[in-house]
Amino acid sequence: MSMDAGYVKVGKISDFPEGELKKVSVGREDVAIATVMGKIYAITGTCTHRGGPLHEGELKGTTIVCPWHGGEFDITTGKVVGPPPMKDETPFDVRIEVSEVFLRKKMI
């Protein structure tokens, strides 16, 4: 995968077991990443409410529950699905090449 495409290698598919939240870094940014129903998703990993570490939260289906104040985000889109956060997380494009996982921040 070319760095020119803006993708960063974050690990192998096996590093992200089904239903588990993990933290990876893309540049200086923490990213919450998880495999849900066989597909890998990633969003910015610091809660937009008060900065809670989303990778330490709970994954319920496609919803991440922030460990600090219970805010909820859809890991497939980054959208807020439960208060108190009012600002969405930024999703990442996920690319799989052989068994390696690459991320690139989506331009929205």
PDB file of N, CA and C in Angstrom:
ATOM      1  N   MET A   1       0.858  -1.186   0.000  1.00  0.00           N
ATOM      2  CA  MET A   1       0.000   0.000   0.000  1.00  0.00           C
ATOM      3  C   MET A   1       0.892   1.233   0.000  1.00  0.00           C
ATOM      4  N   SER A   2       0.652   2.117  -0.868  1.00  0.00           N
ATOM      5  CA  SER A   2       1.446   3.320  -1.000  1.00  0.00           C
ATOM      6  C   SER A   2       1.082   4.340   0.069  1.00  0.00           C
ATOM      7  N   MET A   3       2.096   4.914   0.694  1.00  0.00           N
ATOM      8  CA  MET A   3       1.854   5.988   1.664  1.00  0.00           C
ATOM      9  C   MET A   3       1.235   7.192   0.952  1.00  0.00           C
ATOM     10  N   ASP A   4       1.477   7.309  -0.346  1.00  0.00           N
ATOM     11  CA  ASP A   4       0.916   8.420  -1.116  1.00  0.00           C
ATOM     12  C   ASP A   4      -0.601   8.417  -1.061  1.00  0.00           C
ATOM     13  N   ALA A   5      -1.201   7.253  -0.892  1.00  0.00           N
ATOM     14  CA  ALA A   5      -2.656   7.158  -0.851  1.00  0.00           C
ATOM     15  C   ALA A   5      -3.209   7.638   0.491  1.00  0.00           C
ATOM     16  N   GLY A   6      -2.314   7.938   1.456  1.00  0.00           N
ATOM     17  CA  GLY A   6      -2.754   8.424   2.744  1.00  0.00           C
ATOM     18  C   GLY A   6      -3.101   7.337   3.745  1.00  0.00           C
ATOM     19  N   TYR A   7      -2.905   6.086   3.375  1.00  0.00           N
ATOM     20  CA  TYR A   7      -3.209   4.978   4.275  1.00  0.00           C
ATOM     21  C   TYR A   7      -2.008   4.661   5.157  1.00  0.00           C
ATOM     22  N   VAL A   8      -2.292   4.280   6.397  1.00  0.00           N
ATOM     23  CA  VAL A   8      -1.264   3.924   7.365  1.00  0.00           C
ATOM     24  C   VAL A   8      -1.528   2.501   7.843  1.00  0.00           C
ATOM     25  N   LYS A   9      -0.483   1.678   7.850  1.00  0.00           N
ATOM     26  CA  LYS A   9      -0.631   0.305   8.338  1.00  0.00           C
ATOM     27  C   LYS A   9      -0.785   0.328   9.854  1.00  0.00           C
ATOM     28  N   VAL A  10      -1.827  -0.382  10.370  1.00  0.00           N
ATOM     29  CA  VAL A  10      -2.081  -0.397  11.813  1.00  0.00           C
ATOM     30  C   VAL A  10      -2.022  -1.795  12.416  1.00  0.00           C
ATOM     31  N   GLY A  11      -1.817  -2.814  11.588  1.00  0.00           N
ATOM     32  CA  GLY A  11      -1.708  -4.162  12.120  1.00  0.00           C
ATOM     33  C   GLY A  11      -2.200  -5.198  11.141  1.00  0.00           C
ATOM     34  N   LYS A  12      -2.377  -6.399  11.668  1.00  0.00           N
ATOM     35  CA  LYS A  12      -2.901  -7.514  10.877  1.00  0.00           C
ATOM     36  C   LYS A  12      -4.350  -7.768  11.273  1.00  0.00           C
ATOM     37  N   ILE A  13      -5.111  -8.395  10.391  1.00  0.00           N
ATOM     38  CA  ILE A  13      -6.507  -8.716  10.681  1.00  0.00           C
ATOM     39  C   ILE A  13      -6.617  -9.442  12.018  1.00  0.00           C
ATOM     40  N   SER A  14      -5.688 -10.351  12.294  1.00  0.00           N
ATOM     41  CA  SER A  14      -5.724 -11.142  13.528  1.00  0.00           C
ATOM     42  C   SER A  14      -5.529 -10.292  14.789  1.00  0.00           C
ATOM     43  N   ASP A  15      -5.047  -9.054  14.647  1.00  0.00           N
ATOM     44  CA  ASP A  15      -4.882  -8.158  15.797  1.00  0.00           C
ATOM     45  C   ASP A  15      -6.207  -7.586  16.287  1.00  0.00           C
ATOM     46  N   PHE A  16      -7.263  -7.768  15.499  1.00  0.00           N
ATOM     47  CA  PHE A  16      -8.550  -7.157  15.809  1.00  0.00           C
ATOM     48  C   PHE A  16      -9.649  -8.216  15.877  1.00  0.00           C
ATOM     49  N   PRO A  17      -9.691  -8.978  16.996  1.00  0.00           N
ATOM     50  CA  PRO A  17     -10.698 -10.045  17.128  1.00  0.00           C
ATOM     51  C   PRO A  17     -12.123  -9.503  17.127  1.00  0.00           C
ATOM     52  N   GLU A  18     -13.028 -10.281  16.624  1.00  0.00           N
ATOM     53  CA  GLU A  18     -14.452  -9.936  16.560  1.00  0.00           C
ATOM     54  C   GLU A  18     -14.955  -9.438  17.919  1.00  0.00           C
ATOM     55  N   GLY A  19     -15.617  -8.262  17.893  1.00  0.00           N
ATOM     56  CA  GLY A  19     -16.294  -7.743  19.077  1.00  0.00           C
ATOM     57  C   GLY A  19     -15.420  -7.086  20.128  1.00  0.00           C
ATOM     58  N   GLU A  20     -14.123  -6.902  19.845  1.00  0.00           N
ATOM     59  CA  GLU A  20     -13.221  -6.269  20.817  1.00  0.00           C
ATOM     60  C   GLU A  20     -12.775  -4.901  20.318  1.00  0.00           C
ATOM     61  N   LEU A  21     -12.806  -3.911  21.213  1.00  0.00           N
ATOM     62  CA  LEU A  21     -12.274  -2.591  20.891  1.00  0.00           C
ATOM     63  C   LEU A  21     -10.776  -2.563  21.123  1.00  0.00           C
ATOM     64  N   LYS A  22     -10.071  -1.934  20.218  1.00  0.00           N
ATOM     65  CA  LYS A  22      -8.622  -1.769  20.336  1.00  0.00           C
ATOM     66  C   LYS A  22      -8.284  -0.319  20.029  1.00  0.00           C
ATOM     67  N   LYS A  23      -7.108   0.104  20.491  1.00  0.00           N
ATOM     68  CA  LYS A  23      -6.607   1.440  20.161  1.00  0.00           C
ATOM     69  C   LYS A  23      -5.413   1.289  19.232  1.00  0.00           C
ATOM     70  N   VAL A  24      -5.409   2.095  18.180  1.00  0.00           N
ATOM     71  CA  VAL A  24      -4.250   2.214  17.309  1.00  0.00           C
ATOM     72  C   VAL A  24      -3.976   3.707  17.143  1.00  0.00           C
ATOM     73  N   SER A  25      -2.819   4.031  16.609  1.00  0.00           N
ATOM     74  CA  SER A  25      -2.490   5.433  16.366  1.00  0.00           C
ATOM     75  C   SER A  25      -2.284   5.660  14.884  1.00  0.00           C
ATOM     76  N   VAL A  26      -2.833   6.743  14.403  1.00  0.00           N
ATOM     77  CA  VAL A  26      -2.619   7.197  13.036  1.00  0.00           C
ATOM     78  C   VAL A  26      -2.047   8.608  13.171  1.00  0.00           C
ATOM     79  N   GLY A  27      -0.757   8.725  12.935  1.00  0.00           N
ATOM     80  CA  GLY A  27      -0.076   9.988  13.228  1.00  0.00           C
ATOM     81  C   GLY A  27      -0.114  10.202  14.728  1.00  0.00           C
ATOM     82  N   ARG A  28      -0.581  11.353  15.158  1.00  0.00           N
ATOM     83  CA  ARG A  28      -0.689  11.668  16.589  1.00  0.00           C
ATOM     84  C   ARG A  28      -2.076  11.382  17.139  1.00  0.00           C
ATOM     85  N   GLU A  29      -2.920  10.793  16.320  1.00  0.00           N
ATOM     86  CA  GLU A  29      -4.320  10.605  16.710  1.00  0.00           C
ATOM     87  C   GLU A  29      -4.618   9.177  17.161  1.00  0.00           C
ATOM     88  N   ASP A  30      -5.316   9.071  18.302  1.00  0.00           N
ATOM     89  CA  ASP A  30      -5.798   7.772  18.756  1.00  0.00           C
ATOM     90  C   ASP A  30      -7.041   7.400  17.963  1.00  0.00           C
ATOM     91  N   VAL A  31      -7.122   6.125  17.617  1.00  0.00           N
ATOM     92  CA  VAL A  31      -8.238   5.621  16.827  1.00  0.00           C
ATOM     93  C   VAL A  31      -8.804   4.391  17.531  1.00  0.00           C
ATOM     94  N   ALA A  32     -10.134   4.323  17.639  1.00  0.00           N
ATOM     95  CA  ALA A  32     -10.814   3.135  18.164  1.00  0.00           C
ATOM     96  C   ALA A  32     -11.158   2.258  16.967  1.00  0.00           C
ATOM     97  N   ILE A  33     -10.784   0.989  17.057  1.00  0.00           N
ATOM     98  CA  ILE A  33     -10.972   0.077  15.929  1.00  0.00           C
ATOM     99  C   ILE A  33     -11.562  -1.234  16.445  1.00  0.00           C
ATOM    100  N   ALA A  34     -12.458  -1.815  15.668  1.00  0.00           N
ATOM    101  CA  ALA A  34     -13.082  -3.084  16.066  1.00  0.00           C
ATOM    102  C   ALA A  34     -13.595  -3.822  14.849  1.00  0.00           C
ATOM    103  N   THR A  35     -13.655  -5.141  14.993  1.00  0.00           N
ATOM    104  CA  THR A  35     -14.269  -5.985  13.980  1.00  0.00           C
ATOM    105  C   THR A  35     -15.682  -6.306  14.444  1.00  0.00           C
ATOM    106  N   VAL A  36     -16.655  -5.993  13.582  1.00  0.00           N
ATOM    107  CA  VAL A  36     -18.063  -6.245  13.886  1.00  0.00           C
ATOM    108  C   VAL A  36     -18.650  -7.024  12.711  1.00  0.00           C
ATOM    109  N   MET A  37     -19.160  -8.202  12.987  1.00  0.00           N
ATOM    110  CA  MET A  37     -19.741  -9.077  11.969  1.00  0.00           C
ATOM    111  C   MET A  37     -18.781  -9.284  10.796  1.00  0.00           C
ATOM    112  N   GLY A  38     -17.491  -9.493  11.134  1.00  0.00           N
ATOM    113  CA  GLY A  38     -16.493  -9.809  10.126  1.00  0.00           C
ATOM    114  C   GLY A  38     -15.900  -8.635   9.377  1.00  0.00           C
ATOM    115  N   LYS A  39     -16.342  -7.408   9.694  1.00  0.00           N
ATOM    116  CA  LYS A  39     -15.818  -6.227   9.001  1.00  0.00           C
ATOM    117  C   LYS A  39     -15.146  -5.306  10.010  1.00  0.00           C
ATOM    118  N   ILE A  40     -14.005  -4.738   9.621  1.00  0.00           N
ATOM    119  CA  ILE A  40     -13.261  -3.847  10.507  1.00  0.00           C
ATOM    120  C   ILE A  40     -13.708  -2.402  10.278  1.00  0.00           C
ATOM    121  N   TYR A  41     -13.973  -1.717  11.414  1.00  0.00           N
ATOM    122  CA  TYR A  41     -14.380  -0.310  11.400  1.00  0.00           C
ATOM    123  C   TYR A  41     -13.457   0.480  12.313  1.00  0.00           C
ATOM    124  N   ALA A  42     -13.310   1.781  12.030  1.00  0.00           N
ATOM    125  CA  ALA A  42     -12.468   2.631  12.866  1.00  0.00           C
ATOM    126  C   ALA A  42     -13.014   4.054  12.880  1.00  0.00           C
ATOM    127  N   ILE A  43     -12.959   4.673  14.068  1.00  0.00           N
ATOM    128  CA  ILE A  43     -13.347   6.080  14.235  1.00  0.00           C
ATOM    129  C   ILE A  43     -12.320   6.748  15.154  1.00  0.00           C
ATOM    130  N   THR A  44     -12.307   8.091  15.143  1.00  0.00           N
ATOM    131  CA  THR A  44     -11.422   8.787  16.075  1.00  0.00           C
ATOM    132  C   THR A  44     -11.717   8.270  17.476  1.00  0.00           C
ATOM    133  N   GLY A  45     -10.672   8.137  18.286  1.00  0.00           N
ATOM    134  CA  GLY A  45     -10.797   7.401  19.536  1.00  0.00           C
ATOM    135  C   GLY A  45     -10.905   8.204  20.807  1.00  0.00           C
ATOM    136  N   THR A  46     -11.050   9.520  20.697  1.00  0.00           N
ATOM    137  CA  THR A  46     -11.194  10.362  21.878  1.00  0.00           C
ATOM    138  C   THR A  46     -12.595  10.963  21.853  1.00  0.00           C
ATOM    139  N   CYS A  47     -13.376  10.686  22.903  1.00  0.00           N
ATOM    140  CA  CYS A  47     -14.771  11.137  22.935  1.00  0.00           C
ATOM    141  C   CYS A  47     -14.871  12.642  22.744  1.00  0.00           C
ATOM    142  N   THR A  48     -15.781  13.061  21.887  1.00  0.00           N
ATOM    143  CA  THR A  48     -15.972  14.476  21.588  1.00  0.00           C
ATOM    144  C   THR A  48     -16.642  15.218  22.736  1.00  0.00           C
ATOM    145  N   HIS A  49     -17.106  14.515  23.762  1.00  0.00           N
ATOM    146  CA  HIS A  49     -17.741  15.161  24.912  1.00  0.00           C
ATOM    147  C   HIS A  49     -16.687  15.687  25.884  1.00  0.00           C
ATOM    148  N   ARG A  50     -15.915  14.794  26.503  1.00  0.00           N
ATOM    149  CA  ARG A  50     -14.910  15.205  27.482  1.00  0.00           C
ATOM    150  C   ARG A  50     -13.570  14.490  27.310  1.00  0.00           C
ATOM    151  N   GLY A  51     -13.374  13.873  26.147  1.00  0.00           N
ATOM    152  CA  GLY A  51     -12.075  13.295  25.847  1.00  0.00           C
ATOM    153  C   GLY A  51     -11.830  11.896  26.364  1.00  0.00           C
ATOM    154  N   GLY A  52     -12.888  11.173  26.706  1.00  0.00           N
ATOM    155  CA  GLY A  52     -12.734   9.798  27.178  1.00  0.00           C
ATOM    156  C   GLY A  52     -12.117   8.896  26.122  1.00  0.00           C
ATOM    157  N   PRO A  53     -11.354   7.884  26.552  1.00  0.00           N
ATOM    158  CA  PRO A  53     -10.719   6.946  25.619  1.00  0.00           C
ATOM    159  C   PRO A  53     -11.722   5.889  25.142  1.00  0.00           C
ATOM    160  N   LEU A  54     -12.218   6.037  23.942  1.00  0.00           N
ATOM    161  CA  LEU A  54     -13.281   5.153  23.451  1.00  0.00           C
ATOM    162  C   LEU A  54     -12.869   3.690  23.400  1.00  0.00           C
ATOM    163  N   HIS A  55     -11.596   3.392  23.171  1.00  0.00           N
ATOM    164  CA  HIS A  55     -11.155   1.994  23.116  1.00  0.00           C
ATOM    165  C   HIS A  55     -11.318   1.290  24.462  1.00  0.00           C
ATOM    166  N   GLU A  56     -11.457   2.057  25.553  1.00  0.00           N
ATOM    167  CA  GLU A  56     -11.676   1.472  26.874  1.00  0.00           C
ATOM    168  C   GLU A  56     -13.158   1.294  27.185  1.00  0.00           C
ATOM    169  N   GLY A  57     -13.999   1.728  26.254  1.00  0.00           N
ATOM    170  CA  GLY A  57     -15.444   1.618  26.443  1.00  0.00           C
ATOM    171  C   GLY A  57     -15.950   0.221  26.130  1.00  0.00           C
ATOM    172  N   GLU A  58     -17.265   0.126  26.044  1.00  0.00           N
ATOM    173  CA  GLU A  58     -17.913  -1.155  25.757  1.00  0.00           C
ATOM    174  C   GLU A  58     -18.458  -1.125  24.339  1.00  0.00           C
ATOM    175  N   LEU A  59     -18.323  -2.238  23.641  1.00  0.00           N
ATOM    176  CA  LEU A  59     -18.871  -2.371  22.292  1.00  0.00           C
ATOM    177  C   LEU A  59     -20.126  -3.213  22.374  1.00  0.00           C
ATOM    178  N   LYS A  60     -21.252  -2.598  22.011  1.00  0.00           N
ATOM    179  CA  LYS A  60     -22.544  -3.290  22.009  1.00  0.00           C
ATOM    180  C   LYS A  60     -23.056  -3.287  20.576  1.00  0.00           C
ATOM    181  N   GLY A  61     -22.857  -4.388  19.873  1.00  0.00           N
ATOM    182  CA  GLY A  61     -23.207  -4.423  18.446  1.00  0.00           C
ATOM    183  C   GLY A  61     -22.284  -3.481  17.710  1.00  0.00           C
ATOM    184  N   THR A  62     -22.859  -2.435  17.094  1.00  0.00           N
ATOM    185  CA  THR A  62     -22.048  -1.438  16.390  1.00  0.00           C
ATOM    186  C   THR A  62     -21.900  -0.148  17.201  1.00  0.00           C
ATOM    187  N   THR A  63     -22.331  -0.169  18.461  1.00  0.00           N
ATOM    188  CA  THR A  63     -22.287   1.024  19.303  1.00  0.00           C
ATOM    189  C   THR A  63     -21.150   0.949  20.316  1.00  0.00           C
ATOM    190  N   ILE A  64     -20.331   2.012  20.349  1.00  0.00           N
ATOM    191  CA  ILE A  64     -19.304   2.153  21.381  1.00  0.00           C
ATOM    192  C   ILE A  64     -19.898   3.023  22.480  1.00  0.00           C
ATOM    193  N   VAL A  65     -19.798   2.552  23.723  1.00  0.00           N
ATOM    194  CA  VAL A  65     -20.233   3.323  24.878  1.00  0.00           C
ATOM    195  C   VAL A  65     -18.989   3.869  25.569  1.00  0.00           C
ATOM    196  N   CYS A  66     -18.875   5.199  25.649  1.00  0.00           N
ATOM    197  CA  CYS A  66     -17.720   5.834  26.270  1.00  0.00           C
ATOM    198  C   CYS A  66     -17.659   5.469  27.755  1.00  0.00           C
ATOM    199  N   PRO A  67     -16.462   5.118  28.245  1.00  0.00           N
ATOM    200  CA  PRO A  67     -16.335   4.707  29.635  1.00  0.00           C
ATOM    201  C   PRO A  67     -16.492   5.847  30.649  1.00  0.00           C
ATOM    202  N   TRP A  68     -16.377   7.078  30.216  1.00  0.00           N
ATOM    203  CA  TRP A  68     -16.436   8.186  31.168  1.00  0.00           C
ATOM    204  C   TRP A  68     -17.851   8.644  31.475  1.00  0.00           C
ATOM    205  N   HIS A  69     -18.651   8.949  30.472  1.00  0.00           N
ATOM    206  CA  HIS A  69     -19.983   9.500  30.724  1.00  0.00           C
ATOM    207  C   HIS A  69     -21.091   8.782  29.968  1.00  0.00           C
ATOM    208  N   GLY A  70     -20.764   7.652  29.328  1.00  0.00           N
ATOM    209  CA  GLY A  70     -21.788   6.839  28.685  1.00  0.00           C
ATOM    210  C   GLY A  70     -22.261   7.314  27.329  1.00  0.00           C
ATOM    211  N   GLY A  71     -21.564   8.281  26.727  1.00  0.00           N
ATOM    212  CA  GLY A  71     -21.932   8.701  25.388  1.00  0.00           C
ATOM    213  C   GLY A  71     -21.808   7.537  24.422  1.00  0.00           C
ATOM    214  N   GLU A  72     -22.622   7.549  23.381  1.00  0.00           N
ATOM    215  CA  GLU A  72     -22.645   6.422  22.446  1.00  0.00           C
ATOM    216  C   GLU A  72     -22.402   6.889  21.017  1.00  0.00           C
ATOM    217  N   PHE A  73     -21.555   6.113  20.322  1.00  0.00           N
ATOM    218  CA  PHE A  73     -21.218   6.392  18.930  1.00  0.00           C
ATOM    219  C   PHE A  73     -21.367   5.125  18.114  1.00  0.00           C
ATOM    220  N   ASP A  74     -21.818   5.274  16.864  1.00  0.00           N
ATOM    221  CA  ASP A  74     -21.882   4.148  15.930  1.00  0.00           C
ATOM    222  C   ASP A  74     -20.502   4.000  15.298  1.00  0.00           C
ATOM    223  N   ILE A  75     -19.861   2.857  15.531  1.00  0.00           N
ATOM    224  CA  ILE A  75     -18.500   2.665  15.003  1.00  0.00           C
ATOM    225  C   ILE A  75     -18.487   2.579  13.477  1.00  0.00           C
ATOM    226  N   THR A  76     -19.609   2.271  12.847  1.00  0.00           N
ATOM    227  CA  THR A  76     -19.628   2.156  11.392  1.00  0.00           C
ATOM    228  C   THR A  76     -19.676   3.514  10.696  1.00  0.00           C
ATOM    229  N   THR A  77     -20.120   4.562  11.426  1.00  0.00           N
ATOM    230  CA  THR A  77     -20.274   5.890  10.821  1.00  0.00           C
ATOM    231  C   THR A  77     -19.614   7.005  11.610  1.00  0.00           C
ATOM    232  N   GLY A  78     -19.375   6.793  12.910  1.00  0.00           N
ATOM    233  CA  GLY A  78     -18.872   7.850  13.784  1.00  0.00           C
ATOM    234  C   GLY A  78     -19.973   8.721  14.363  1.00  0.00           C
ATOM    235  N   LYS A  79     -21.208   8.500  13.960  1.00  0.00           N
ATOM    236  CA  LYS A  79     -22.336   9.337  14.400  1.00  0.00           C
ATOM    237  C   LYS A  79     -22.651   9.119  15.881  1.00  0.00           C
ATOM    238  N   VAL A  80     -23.030  10.212  16.565  1.00  0.00           N
ATOM    239  CA  VAL A  80     -23.516  10.134  17.943  1.00  0.00           C
ATOM    240  C   VAL A  80     -24.867   9.439  17.915  1.00  0.00           C
ATOM    241  N   VAL A  81     -25.031   8.425  18.772  1.00  0.00           N
ATOM    242  CA  VAL A  81     -26.328   7.740  18.874  1.00  0.00           C
ATOM    243  C   VAL A  81     -26.899   7.815  20.281  1.00  0.00           C
ATOM    244  N   GLY A  82     -26.152   8.429  21.213  1.00  0.00           N
ATOM    245  CA  GLY A  82     -26.646   8.616  22.573  1.00  0.00           C
ATOM    246  C   GLY A  82     -25.868   9.708  23.285  1.00  0.00           C
ATOM    247  N   PRO A  83     -26.577  10.585  24.047  1.00  0.00           N
ATOM    248  CA  PRO A  83     -25.926  11.700  24.735  1.00  0.00           C
ATOM    249  C   PRO A  83     -25.036  11.210  25.880  1.00  0.00           C
ATOM    250  N   PRO A  84     -24.128  12.082  26.356  1.00  0.00           N
ATOM    251  CA  PRO A  84     -24.101  13.530  26.217  1.00  0.00           C
ATOM    252  C   PRO A  84     -23.360  14.113  25.004  1.00  0.00           C
ATOM    253  N   PRO A  85     -22.512  13.374  24.251  1.00  0.00           N
ATOM    254  CA  PRO A  85     -21.829  14.038  23.126  1.00  0.00           C
ATOM    255  C   PRO A  85     -22.823  14.599  22.102  1.00  0.00           C
ATOM    256  N   MET A  86     -22.423  15.717  21.507  1.00  0.00           N
ATOM    257  CA  MET A  86     -23.245  16.318  20.462  1.00  0.00           C
ATOM    258  C   MET A  86     -22.505  16.334  19.131  1.00  0.00           C
ATOM    259  N   LYS A  87     -21.190  16.071  19.170  1.00  0.00           N
ATOM    260  CA  LYS A  87     -20.376  16.099  17.951  1.00  0.00           C
ATOM    261  C   LYS A  87     -19.964  14.683  17.594  1.00  0.00           C
ATOM    262  N   ASP A  88     -20.116  14.338  16.311  1.00  0.00           N
ATOM    263  CA  ASP A  88     -19.753  13.013  15.809  1.00  0.00           C
ATOM    264  C   ASP A  88     -18.242  12.799  15.852  1.00  0.00           C
ATOM    265  N   GLU A  89     -17.850  11.529  15.844  1.00  0.00           N
ATOM    266  CA  GLU A  89     -16.456  11.143  15.658  1.00  0.00           C
ATOM    267  C   GLU A  89     -16.206  11.066  14.151  1.00  0.00           C
ATOM    268  N   THR A  90     -14.947  11.147  13.753  1.00  0.00           N
ATOM    269  CA  THR A  90     -14.601  11.034  12.333  1.00  0.00           C
ATOM    270  C   THR A  90     -14.309   9.574  12.006  1.00  0.00           C
ATOM    271  N   PRO A  91     -14.976   9.031  10.989  1.00  0.00           N
ATOM    272  CA  PRO A  91     -14.691   7.649  10.585  1.00  0.00           C
ATOM    273  C   PRO A  91     -13.419   7.571   9.745  1.00  0.00           C
ATOM    274  N   PHE A  92     -12.871   6.367   9.660  1.00  0.00           N
ATOM    275  CA  PHE A  92     -11.696   6.099   8.835  1.00  0.00           C
ATOM    276  C   PHE A  92     -12.059   5.103   7.752  1.00  0.00           C
ATOM    277  N   ASP A  93     -11.439   5.277   6.577  1.00  0.00           N
ATOM    278  CA  ASP A  93     -11.525   4.261   5.538  1.00  0.00           C
ATOM    279  C   ASP A  93     -10.615   3.119   5.969  1.00  0.00           C
ATOM    280  N   VAL A  94     -11.105   1.903   5.839  1.00  0.00           N
ATOM    281  CA  VAL A  94     -10.328   0.719   6.195  1.00  0.00           C
ATOM    282  C   VAL A  94     -10.024  -0.046   4.925  1.00  0.00           C
ATOM    283  N   ARG A  95      -8.756  -0.394   4.741  1.00  0.00           N
ATOM    284  CA  ARG A  95      -8.334  -1.196   3.587  1.00  0.00           C
ATOM    285  C   ARG A  95      -7.635  -2.433   4.084  1.00  0.00           C
ATOM    286  N   ILE A  96      -7.960  -3.546   3.494  1.00  0.00           N
ATOM    287  CA  ILE A  96      -7.298  -4.801   3.815  1.00  0.00           C
ATOM    288  C   ILE A  96      -6.478  -5.199   2.595  1.00  0.00           C
ATOM    289  N   GLU A  97      -5.199  -5.471   2.829  1.00  0.00           N
ATOM    290  CA  GLU A  97      -4.330  -5.930   1.751  1.00  0.00           C
ATOM    291  C   GLU A  97      -3.633  -7.197   2.257  1.00  0.00           C
ATOM    292  N   VAL A  98      -3.995  -8.323   1.669  1.00  0.00           N
ATOM    293  CA  VAL A  98      -3.580  -9.649   2.113  1.00  0.00           C
ATOM    294  C   VAL A  98      -4.118  -9.812   3.531  1.00  0.00           C
ATOM    295  N   SER A  99      -3.290  -9.758   4.569  1.00  0.00           N
ATOM    296  CA  SER A  99      -3.798  -9.874   5.935  1.00  0.00           C
ATOM    297  C   SER A  99      -3.515  -8.617   6.749  1.00  0.00           C
ATOM    298  N   GLU A 100      -3.083  -7.547   6.083  1.00  0.00           N
ATOM    299  CA  GLU A 100      -2.727  -6.321   6.778  1.00  0.00           C
ATOM    300  C   GLU A 100      -3.840  -5.286   6.699  1.00  0.00           C
ATOM    301  N   VAL A 101      -3.963  -4.500   7.777  1.00  0.00           N
ATOM    302  CA  VAL A 101      -5.023  -3.497   7.903  1.00  0.00           C
ATOM    303  C   VAL A 101      -4.406  -2.112   7.783  1.00  0.00           C
ATOM    304  N   PHE A 102      -5.002  -1.289   6.927  1.00  0.00           N
ATOM    305  CA  PHE A 102      -4.563   0.082   6.711  1.00  0.00           C
ATOM    306  C   PHE A 102      -5.745   1.019   6.953  1.00  0.00           C
ATOM    307  N   LEU A 103      -5.448   2.192   7.529  1.00  0.00           N
ATOM    308  CA  LEU A 103      -6.485   3.197   7.775  1.00  0.00           C
ATOM    309  C   LEU A 103      -6.129   4.516   7.121  1.00  0.00           C
ATOM    310  N   ARG A 104      -7.182   5.241   6.748  1.00  0.00           N
ATOM    311  CA  ARG A 104      -7.045   6.615   6.252  1.00  0.00           C
ATOM    312  C   ARG A 104      -8.258   7.392   6.741  1.00  0.00           C
ATOM    313  N   LYS A 105      -8.036   8.561   7.298  1.00  0.00           N
ATOM    314  CA  LYS A 105      -9.143   9.382   7.777  1.00  0.00           C
ATOM    315  C   LYS A 105     -10.026   9.778   6.603  1.00  0.00           C
ATOM    316  N   LYS A 106     -11.335   9.617   6.786  1.00  0.00           N
ATOM    317  CA  LYS A 106     -12.265  10.000   5.723  1.00  0.00           C
ATOM    318  C   LYS A 106     -12.345  11.506   5.610  1.00  0.00           C
ATOM    319  N   MET A 107     -12.468  11.973   4.409  1.00  0.00           N
ATOM    320  CA  MET A 107     -12.671  13.405   4.174  1.00  0.00           C
ATOM    321  C   MET A 107     -14.166  13.648   4.118  1.00  0.00           C
ATOM    322  N   ILE A 108     -14.662  14.374   5.116  1.00  0.00           N
ATOM    323  CA  ILE A 108     -16.114  14.645   5.171  1.00  0.00           C
ATOM    324  C   ILE A 108     -16.394  16.119   5.195  1.00  0.00           C
TER     325      ILE A 108
END
